[in-house]
Amino acid sequence: MNKTITTFGRIIFAIPMAAFGLMHFTSAAMMAQYVVPKWMPAPELLVYLTGAVLIASAIRFI
């Protein structure tokens, strides 16, 4: 029972993380314009990198 609850919790935690990672890829231009500070170099690349890290983290949780 305890292992089932732990597995369920990890999956529930990973689903939004993966969804947010996919959102970084689908709306990278908008996020680069509004979310990343102007002084940071290559804002769109940083958005893609953040999305990749979120997806990798979601995979690792599962």
Protein backbone atom coordinates (compact mmCIF):
# COMPACT_ATOMS: atom_id res chain seq x y z
CA MET A 1 0.00 0.00 0.00
CA ASN A 2 2.73 2.48 0.94
CA LYS A 3 4.66 1.88 -2.31
CA THR A 4 1.47 2.43 -4.30
CA ILE A 5 0.83 5.76 -2.60
CA THR A 6 4.44 6.85 -3.12
CA THR A 7 4.34 5.95 -6.81
CA PHE A 8 1.01 7.72 -7.24
CA GLY A 9 2.38 10.84 -5.53
CA ARG A 10 5.47 10.92 -7.74
CA ILE A 11 3.35 10.64 -10.87
CA ILE A 12 0.95 13.34 -9.70
CA PHE A 13 3.94 15.60 -8.97
CA ALA A 14 5.57 14.89 -12.35
CA ILE A 15 2.52 15.52 -14.58
CA PRO A 16 2.33 19.32 -14.03
CA MET A 17 6.10 19.57 -14.27
CA ALA A 18 6.06 17.89 -17.69
CA ALA A 19 3.12 20.07 -18.77
CA PHE A 20 4.98 23.24 -17.78
CA GLY A 21 8.04 21.99 -19.67
CA LEU A 22 5.95 21.44 -22.80
CA MET A 23 4.48 24.93 -22.42
CA HIS A 24 8.00 26.32 -22.48
CA PHE A 25 8.46 24.75 -25.91
CA THR A 26 5.07 25.73 -27.34
CA SER A 27 5.19 29.39 -26.29
CA ALA A 28 8.92 30.10 -26.09
CA ALA A 29 8.76 33.43 -27.92
CA MET A 30 6.12 34.83 -25.59
CA MET A 31 7.95 33.63 -22.48
CA ALA A 32 11.24 35.02 -23.74
CA GLN A 33 9.63 38.40 -24.25
CA TYR A 34 7.72 38.69 -20.97
CA VAL A 35 9.31 36.37 -18.41
CA VAL A 36 13.07 36.51 -19.01
CA PRO A 37 14.71 39.76 -17.86
CA LYS A 38 15.94 42.04 -20.66
CA TRP A 39 19.55 42.00 -19.45
CA MET A 40 19.93 38.22 -19.85
CA PRO A 41 21.54 36.99 -23.07
CA ALA A 42 19.69 34.64 -25.45
CA PRO A 43 16.30 34.71 -23.70
CA GLU A 44 14.63 32.23 -26.04
CA LEU A 45 17.46 29.73 -25.57
CA LEU A 46 17.05 30.04 -21.80
CA VAL A 47 13.33 29.31 -22.12
CA TYR A 48 14.04 26.17 -24.15
CA LEU A 49 16.70 25.11 -21.66
CA THR A 50 14.31 25.58 -18.75
CA GLY A 51 11.65 23.55 -20.57
CA ALA A 52 14.11 20.73 -21.18
CA VAL A 53 15.13 20.71 -17.52
CA LEU A 54 11.48 20.57 -16.42
CA ILE A 55 10.76 17.63 -18.71
CA ALA A 56 13.91 15.82 -17.61
CA SER A 57 12.95 16.36 -13.98
CA ALA A 58 9.46 15.00 -14.59
CA ILE A 59 10.93 11.90 -16.22
CA ARG A 60 13.30 11.46 -13.31
CA PHE A 61 10.47 11.64 -10.76
CA ILE A 62 8.61 8.86 -12.52
